[in-house]
Amino acid sequence: MKIKVKVAPKKQINKKIDTDFIRLDAFLKMCDAVQTGGHAKIVIQEGEVRVNGEICTQRGKKLRSGDCAEFENVIYNVE
């Protein structure tokens, strides 16, 4: 017996930054993905955030235009 499963496409949100880079924790706060900087620190350190498809545990990771961060099945693109 075969079971077919449909996977919903991940939601994508684009955010423009005015600087050369932004730290991962600040970017998650800016996108309203987390409520506070402390919340960002916890989810990043626990490996719940992916940057460009790979798990990232560095909350000070610099994101530049073209990078993306994924948290809770939502992809946040840096513009």
PDB file of N, CA and C in Angstrom:
ATOM      1  N   MET A   1       0.843  -1.174   0.000  1.00  0.00           N
ATOM      2  CA  MET A   1       0.000   0.000   0.000  1.00  0.00           C
ATOM      3  C   MET A   1       0.891   1.241   0.000  1.00  0.00           C
ATOM      4  N   LYS A   2       0.586   2.172  -0.902  1.00  0.00           N
ATOM      5  CA  LYS A   2       1.341   3.412  -0.973  1.00  0.00           C
ATOM      6  C   LYS A   2       0.536   4.535  -0.344  1.00  0.00           C
ATOM      7  N   ILE A   3       1.255   5.376   0.364  1.00  0.00           N
ATOM      8  CA  ILE A   3       0.616   6.543   0.981  1.00  0.00           C
ATOM      9  C   ILE A   3       1.194   7.791   0.346  1.00  0.00           C
ATOM     10  N   LYS A   4       0.336   8.643  -0.140  1.00  0.00           N
ATOM     11  CA  LYS A   4       0.788   9.894  -0.738  1.00  0.00           C
ATOM     12  C   LYS A   4       0.595  11.022   0.274  1.00  0.00           C
ATOM     13  N   VAL A   5       1.633  11.807   0.426  1.00  0.00           N
ATOM     14  CA  VAL A   5       1.593  12.914   1.370  1.00  0.00           C
ATOM     15  C   VAL A   5       1.871  14.202   0.610  1.00  0.00           C
ATOM     16  N   LYS A   6       1.039  15.183   0.825  1.00  0.00           N
ATOM     17  CA  LYS A   6       1.280  16.486   0.218  1.00  0.00           C
ATOM     18  C   LYS A   6       1.930  17.388   1.257  1.00  0.00           C
ATOM     19  N   VAL A   7       3.049  17.972   0.875  1.00  0.00           N
ATOM     20  CA  VAL A   7       3.756  18.872   1.768  1.00  0.00           C
ATOM     21  C   VAL A   7       3.480  20.297   1.307  1.00  0.00           C
ATOM     22  N   ALA A   8       2.999  21.098   2.219  1.00  0.00           N
ATOM     23  CA  ALA A   8       2.685  22.485   1.876  1.00  0.00           C
ATOM     24  C   ALA A   8       3.979  23.245   1.596  1.00  0.00           C
ATOM     25  N   PRO A   9       3.956  24.113   0.599  1.00  0.00           N
ATOM     26  CA  PRO A   9       5.155  24.914   0.327  1.00  0.00           C
ATOM     27  C   PRO A   9       5.446  25.843   1.503  1.00  0.00           C
ATOM     28  N   LYS A  10       6.726  26.092   1.706  1.00  0.00           N
ATOM     29  CA  LYS A  10       7.114  26.956   2.818  1.00  0.00           C
ATOM     30  C   LYS A  10       6.816  28.410   2.469  1.00  0.00           C
ATOM     31  N   LYS A  11       6.341  29.124   3.460  1.00  0.00           N
ATOM     32  CA  LYS A  11       6.060  30.543   3.285  1.00  0.00           C
ATOM     33  C   LYS A  11       7.381  31.300   3.177  1.00  0.00           C
ATOM     34  N   GLN A  12       7.450  32.281   2.284  1.00  0.00           N
ATOM     35  CA  GLN A  12       8.658  33.076   2.126  1.00  0.00           C
ATOM     36  C   GLN A  12       8.345  34.543   2.381  1.00  0.00           C
ATOM     37  N   ILE A  13       9.208  35.175   3.155  1.00  0.00           N
ATOM     38  CA  ILE A  13       9.060  36.599   3.476  1.00  0.00           C
ATOM     39  C   ILE A  13      10.362  37.293   3.112  1.00  0.00           C
ATOM     40  N   ASN A  14      10.268  38.375   2.369  1.00  0.00           N
ATOM     41  CA  ASN A  14      11.445  39.151   1.972  1.00  0.00           C
ATOM     42  C   ASN A  14      11.569  40.375   2.866  1.00  0.00           C
ATOM     43  N   LYS A  15      12.765  40.622   3.380  1.00  0.00           N
ATOM     44  CA  LYS A  15      13.038  41.800   4.215  1.00  0.00           C
ATOM     45  C   LYS A  15      14.243  42.536   3.666  1.00  0.00           C
ATOM     46  N   LYS A  16      14.097  43.818   3.476  1.00  0.00           N
ATOM     47  CA  LYS A  16      15.189  44.641   2.959  1.00  0.00           C
ATOM     48  C   LYS A  16      15.960  45.243   4.131  1.00  0.00           C
ATOM     49  N   ILE A  17      17.295  45.204   4.019  1.00  0.00           N
ATOM     50  CA  ILE A  17      18.134  45.834   5.040  1.00  0.00           C
ATOM     51  C   ILE A  17      18.856  47.011   4.407  1.00  0.00           C
ATOM     52  N   ASP A  18      19.151  48.021   5.222  1.00  0.00           N
ATOM     53  CA  ASP A  18      19.787  49.239   4.727  1.00  0.00           C
ATOM     54  C   ASP A  18      21.290  49.255   4.968  1.00  0.00           C
ATOM     55  N   THR A  19      21.811  48.212   5.585  1.00  0.00           N
ATOM     56  CA  THR A  19      23.241  48.139   5.897  1.00  0.00           C
ATOM     57  C   THR A  19      23.876  47.014   5.087  1.00  0.00           C
ATOM     58  N   ASP A  20      25.209  46.879   5.180  1.00  0.00           N
ATOM     59  CA  ASP A  20      25.905  45.817   4.457  1.00  0.00           C
ATOM     60  C   ASP A  20      25.534  44.432   4.971  1.00  0.00           C
ATOM     61  N   PHE A  21      25.302  44.325   6.282  1.00  0.00           N
ATOM     62  CA  PHE A  21      24.953  43.038   6.881  1.00  0.00           C
ATOM     63  C   PHE A  21      24.092  43.272   8.109  1.00  0.00           C
ATOM     64  N   ILE A  22      23.487  42.181   8.592  1.00  0.00           N
ATOM     65  CA  ILE A  22      22.711  42.210   9.831  1.00  0.00           C
ATOM     66  C   ILE A  22      22.984  40.900  10.555  1.00  0.00           C
ATOM     67  N   ARG A  23      23.043  40.974  11.879  1.00  0.00           N
ATOM     68  CA  ARG A  23      23.267  39.762  12.672  1.00  0.00           C
ATOM     69  C   ARG A  23      22.007  38.898  12.641  1.00  0.00           C
ATOM     70  N   LEU A  24      22.207  37.588  12.708  1.00  0.00           N
ATOM     71  CA  LEU A  24      21.097  36.643  12.628  1.00  0.00           C
ATOM     72  C   LEU A  24      20.040  36.899  13.690  1.00  0.00           C
ATOM     73  N   ASP A  25      20.460  37.116  14.932  1.00  0.00           N
ATOM     74  CA  ASP A  25      19.470  37.337  15.991  1.00  0.00           C
ATOM     75  C   ASP A  25      18.663  38.609  15.757  1.00  0.00           C
ATOM     76  N   ALA A  26      19.315  39.661  15.298  1.00  0.00           N
ATOM     77  CA  ALA A  26      18.618  40.919  15.014  1.00  0.00           C
ATOM     78  C   ALA A  26      17.673  40.760  13.820  1.00  0.00           C
ATOM     79  N   PHE A  27      18.083  39.957  12.838  1.00  0.00           N
ATOM     80  CA  PHE A  27      17.244  39.737  11.662  1.00  0.00           C
ATOM     81  C   PHE A  27      15.967  38.994  12.033  1.00  0.00           C
ATOM     82  N   LEU A  28      16.082  37.987  12.891  1.00  0.00           N
ATOM     83  CA  LEU A  28      14.886  37.259  13.327  1.00  0.00           C
ATOM     84  C   LEU A  28      13.931  38.166  14.089  1.00  0.00           C
ATOM     85  N   LYS A  29      14.483  39.060  14.898  1.00  0.00           N
ATOM     86  CA  LYS A  29      13.635  40.029  15.610  1.00  0.00           C
ATOM     87  C   LYS A  29      12.976  40.987  14.625  1.00  0.00           C
ATOM     88  N   MET A  30      13.733  41.463  13.642  1.00  0.00           N
ATOM     89  CA  MET A  30      13.204  42.404  12.657  1.00  0.00           C
ATOM     90  C   MET A  30      12.052  41.783  11.858  1.00  0.00           C
ATOM     91  N   CYS A  31      12.146  40.487  11.602  1.00  0.00           N
ATOM     92  CA  CYS A  31      11.117  39.790  10.828  1.00  0.00           C
ATOM     93  C   CYS A  31       9.930  39.359  11.695  1.00  0.00           C
ATOM     94  N   ASP A  32       9.982  39.629  12.979  1.00  0.00           N
ATOM     95  CA  ASP A  32       8.961  39.197  13.936  1.00  0.00           C
ATOM     96  C   ASP A  32       8.842  37.673  14.021  1.00  0.00           C
ATOM     97  N   ALA A  33       9.941  36.973  13.734  1.00  0.00           N
ATOM     98  CA  ALA A  33       9.965  35.518  13.864  1.00  0.00           C
ATOM     99  C   ALA A  33      10.070  35.130  15.330  1.00  0.00           C
ATOM    100  N   VAL A  34      10.706  35.985  16.125  1.00  0.00           N
ATOM    101  CA  VAL A  34      10.844  35.779  17.569  1.00  0.00           C
ATOM    102  C   VAL A  34      10.383  37.047  18.279  1.00  0.00           C
ATOM    103  N   GLN A  35      10.094  36.910  19.569  1.00  0.00           N
ATOM    104  CA  GLN A  35       9.574  38.054  20.308  1.00  0.00           C
ATOM    105  C   GLN A  35      10.668  38.941  20.879  1.00  0.00           C
ATOM    106  N   THR A  36      11.753  38.323  21.345  1.00  0.00           N
ATOM    107  CA  THR A  36      12.823  39.094  21.987  1.00  0.00           C
ATOM    108  C   THR A  36      14.181  38.578  21.544  1.00  0.00           C
ATOM    109  N   GLY A  37      15.203  39.314  21.892  1.00  0.00           N
ATOM    110  CA  GLY A  37      16.563  38.870  21.611  1.00  0.00           C
ATOM    111  C   GLY A  37      16.906  37.607  22.379  1.00  0.00           C
ATOM    112  N   GLY A  38      16.389  37.487  23.582  1.00  0.00           N
ATOM    113  CA  GLY A  38      16.615  36.278  24.379  1.00  0.00           C
ATOM    114  C   GLY A  38      15.987  35.056  23.729  1.00  0.00           C
ATOM    115  N   HIS A  39      14.804  35.237  23.179  1.00  0.00           N
ATOM    116  CA  HIS A  39      14.128  34.147  22.466  1.00  0.00           C
ATOM    117  C   HIS A  39      14.949  33.750  21.240  1.00  0.00           C
ATOM    118  N   ALA A  40      15.475  34.740  20.519  1.00  0.00           N
ATOM    119  CA  ALA A  40      16.317  34.477  19.347  1.00  0.00           C
ATOM    120  C   ALA A  40      17.548  33.675  19.758  1.00  0.00           C
ATOM    121  N   LYS A  41      18.177  34.070  20.843  1.00  0.00           N
ATOM    122  CA  LYS A  41      19.379  33.382  21.335  1.00  0.00           C
ATOM    123  C   LYS A  41      19.087  31.910  21.606  1.00  0.00           C
ATOM    124  N   ILE A  42      17.969  31.636  22.243  1.00  0.00           N
ATOM    125  CA  ILE A  42      17.621  30.262  22.599  1.00  0.00           C
ATOM    126  C   ILE A  42      17.365  29.407  21.359  1.00  0.00           C
ATOM    127  N   VAL A  43      16.540  29.898  20.425  1.00  0.00           N
ATOM    128  CA  VAL A  43      16.210  29.076  19.255  1.00  0.00           C
ATOM    129  C   VAL A  43      17.428  28.858  18.358  1.00  0.00           C
ATOM    130  N   ILE A  44      18.318  29.849  18.297  1.00  0.00           N
ATOM    131  CA  ILE A  44      19.531  29.698  17.483  1.00  0.00           C
ATOM    132  C   ILE A  44      20.462  28.678  18.126  1.00  0.00           C
ATOM    133  N   GLN A  45      20.694  28.797  19.431  1.00  0.00           N
ATOM    134  CA  GLN A  45      21.606  27.883  20.122  1.00  0.00           C
ATOM    135  C   GLN A  45      21.088  26.446  20.150  1.00  0.00           C
ATOM    136  N   GLU A  46      19.778  26.269  20.084  1.00  0.00           N
ATOM    137  CA  GLU A  46      19.209  24.918  20.082  1.00  0.00           C
ATOM    138  C   GLU A  46      19.155  24.315  18.684  1.00  0.00           C
ATOM    139  N   GLY A  47      19.656  25.042  17.673  1.00  0.00           N
ATOM    140  CA  GLY A  47      19.733  24.507  16.321  1.00  0.00           C
ATOM    141  C   GLY A  47      18.427  24.507  15.563  1.00  0.00           C
ATOM    142  N   GLU A  48      17.510  25.399  15.924  1.00  0.00           N
ATOM    143  CA  GLU A  48      16.211  25.454  15.268  1.00  0.00           C
ATOM    144  C   GLU A  48      16.199  26.385  14.048  1.00  0.00           C
ATOM    145  N   VAL A  49      17.320  27.046  13.773  1.00  0.00           N
ATOM    146  CA  VAL A  49      17.388  28.015  12.679  1.00  0.00           C
ATOM    147  C   VAL A  49      18.375  27.528  11.628  1.00  0.00           C
ATOM    148  N   ARG A  50      17.975  27.650  10.378  1.00  0.00           N
ATOM    149  CA  ARG A  50      18.862  27.315   9.260  1.00  0.00           C
ATOM    150  C   ARG A  50      19.213  28.593   8.514  1.00  0.00           C
ATOM    151  N   VAL A  51      20.467  28.700   8.119  1.00  0.00           N
ATOM    152  CA  VAL A  51      20.925  29.822   7.294  1.00  0.00           C
ATOM    153  C   VAL A  51      21.436  29.229   5.993  1.00  0.00           C
ATOM    154  N   ASN A  52      20.843  29.654   4.903  1.00  0.00           N
ATOM    155  CA  ASN A  52      21.186  29.137   3.576  1.00  0.00           C
ATOM    156  C   ASN A  52      21.143  27.609   3.530  1.00  0.00           C
ATOM    157  N   GLY A  53      20.142  27.026   4.211  1.00  0.00           N
ATOM    158  CA  GLY A  53      19.930  25.583   4.169  1.00  0.00           C
ATOM    159  C   GLY A  53      20.680  24.759   5.201  1.00  0.00           C
ATOM    160  N   GLU A  54      21.575  25.384   5.975  1.00  0.00           N
ATOM    161  CA  GLU A  54      22.351  24.643   6.969  1.00  0.00           C
ATOM    162  C   GLU A  54      22.036  25.151   8.372  1.00  0.00           C
ATOM    163  N   ILE A  55      22.004  24.244   9.330  1.00  0.00           N
ATOM    164  CA  ILE A  55      21.743  24.628  10.717  1.00  0.00           C
ATOM    165  C   ILE A  55      22.846  25.571  11.187  1.00  0.00           C
ATOM    166  N   CYS A  56      22.441  26.664  11.822  1.00  0.00           N
ATOM    167  CA  CYS A  56      23.401  27.655  12.300  1.00  0.00           C
ATOM    168  C   CYS A  56      23.162  27.890  13.788  1.00  0.00           C
ATOM    169  N   THR A  57      24.226  27.786  14.588  1.00  0.00           N
ATOM    170  CA  THR A  57      24.103  28.028  16.023  1.00  0.00           C
ATOM    171  C   THR A  57      24.856  29.291  16.447  1.00  0.00           C
ATOM    172  N   GLN A  58      25.276  30.113  15.487  1.00  0.00           N
ATOM    173  CA  GLN A  58      25.971  31.369  15.782  1.00  0.00           C
ATOM    174  C   GLN A  58      24.968  32.518  15.733  1.00  0.00           C
ATOM    175  N   ARG A  59      24.638  33.084  16.875  1.00  0.00           N
ATOM    176  CA  ARG A  59      23.643  34.147  16.840  1.00  0.00           C
ATOM    177  C   ARG A  59      24.196  35.429  16.250  1.00  0.00           C
ATOM    178  N   GLY A  60      25.507  35.578  16.192  1.00  0.00           N
ATOM    179  CA  GLY A  60      26.130  36.756  15.602  1.00  0.00           C
ATOM    180  C   GLY A  60      26.455  36.574  14.126  1.00  0.00           C
ATOM    181  N   LYS A  61      25.965  35.495  13.519  1.00  0.00           N
ATOM    182  CA  LYS A  61      26.217  35.218  12.094  1.00  0.00           C
ATOM    183  C   LYS A  61      25.773  36.414  11.260  1.00  0.00           C
ATOM    184  N   LYS A  62      26.650  36.881  10.392  1.00  0.00           N
ATOM    185  CA  LYS A  62      26.336  38.032   9.547  1.00  0.00           C
ATOM    186  C   LYS A  62      25.573  37.580   8.307  1.00  0.00           C
ATOM    187  N   LEU A  63      24.404  38.157   8.121  1.00  0.00           N
ATOM    188  CA  LEU A  63      23.600  37.889   6.938  1.00  0.00           C
ATOM    189  C   LEU A  63      23.731  39.072   5.989  1.00  0.00           C
ATOM    190  N   ARG A  64      23.917  38.773   4.723  1.00  0.00           N
ATOM    191  CA  ARG A  64      24.033  39.802   3.708  1.00  0.00           C
ATOM    192  C   ARG A  64      22.930  39.608   2.677  1.00  0.00           C
ATOM    193  N   SER A  65      22.778  40.564   1.795  1.00  0.00           N
ATOM    194  CA  SER A  65      21.777  40.475   0.747  1.00  0.00           C
ATOM    195  C   SER A  65      21.962  39.173  -0.030  1.00  0.00           C
ATOM    196  N   GLY A  66      20.874  38.441  -0.220  1.00  0.00           N
ATOM    197  CA  GLY A  66      20.924  37.159  -0.917  1.00  0.00           C
ATOM    198  C   GLY A  66      20.898  35.966   0.017  1.00  0.00           C
ATOM    199  N   ASP A  67      21.173  36.180   1.305  1.00  0.00           N
ATOM    200  CA  ASP A  67      21.116  35.093   2.282  1.00  0.00           C
ATOM    201  C   ASP A  67      19.668  34.845   2.696  1.00  0.00           C
ATOM    202  N   CYS A  68      19.423  33.686   3.289  1.00  0.00           N
ATOM    203  CA  CYS A  68      18.086  33.407   3.811  1.00  0.00           C
ATOM    204  C   CYS A  68      18.208  32.657   5.136  1.00  0.00           C
ATOM    205  N   ALA A  69      17.250  32.903   6.007  1.00  0.00           N
ATOM    206  CA  ALA A  69      17.176  32.211   7.292  1.00  0.00           C
ATOM    207  C   ALA A  69      15.828  31.509   7.360  1.00  0.00           C
ATOM    208  N   GLU A  70      15.816  30.289   7.886  1.00  0.00           N
ATOM    209  CA  GLU A  70      14.573  29.528   7.985  1.00  0.00           C
ATOM    210  C   GLU A  70      14.312  29.190   9.446  1.00  0.00           C
ATOM    211  N   PHE A  71      13.086  29.479   9.885  1.00  0.00           N
ATOM    212  CA  PHE A  71      12.675  29.180  11.252  1.00  0.00           C
ATOM    213  C   PHE A  71      11.194  28.846  11.244  1.00  0.00           C
ATOM    214  N   GLU A  72      10.832  27.727  11.834  1.00  0.00           N
ATOM    215  CA  GLU A  72       9.440  27.265  11.925  1.00  0.00           C
ATOM    216  C   GLU A  72       8.763  27.237  10.557  1.00  0.00           C
ATOM    217  N   ASN A  73       9.416  26.630   9.582  1.00  0.00           N
ATOM    218  CA  ASN A  73       8.896  26.442   8.222  1.00  0.00           C
ATOM    219  C   ASN A  73       8.573  27.733   7.481  1.00  0.00           C
ATOM    220  N   VAL A  74       9.219  28.819   7.866  1.00  0.00           N
ATOM    221  CA  VAL A  74       9.097  30.082   7.139  1.00  0.00           C
ATOM    222  C   VAL A  74      10.504  30.483   6.721  1.00  0.00           C
ATOM    223  N   ILE A  75      10.658  30.876   5.460  1.00  0.00           N
ATOM    224  CA  ILE A  75      11.954  31.301   4.947  1.00  0.00           C
ATOM    225  C   ILE A  75      11.953  32.815   4.870  1.00  0.00           C
ATOM    226  N   TYR A  76      12.945  33.417   5.521  1.00  0.00           N
ATOM    227  CA  TYR A  76      13.114  34.872   5.532  1.00  0.00           C
ATOM    228  C   TYR A  76      14.296  35.224   4.643  1.00  0.00           C
ATOM    229  N   ASN A  77      14.043  35.921   3.552  1.00  0.00           N
ATOM    230  CA  ASN A  77      15.090  36.297   2.601  1.00  0.00           C
ATOM    231  C   ASN A  77      15.595  37.699   2.889  1.00  0.00           C
ATOM    232  N   VAL A  78      16.906  37.867   2.850  1.00  0.00           N
ATOM    233  CA  VAL A  78      17.528  39.171   3.050  1.00  0.00           C
ATOM    234  C   VAL A  78      17.666  39.839   1.685  1.00  0.00           C
ATOM    235  N   GLU A  79      17.164  41.042   1.573  1.00  0.00           N
ATOM    236  CA  GLU A  79      17.279  41.795   0.318  1.00  0.00           C
ATOM    237  C   GLU A  79      18.180  42.988   0.518  1.00  0.00           C
TER     238      GLU A  79
END
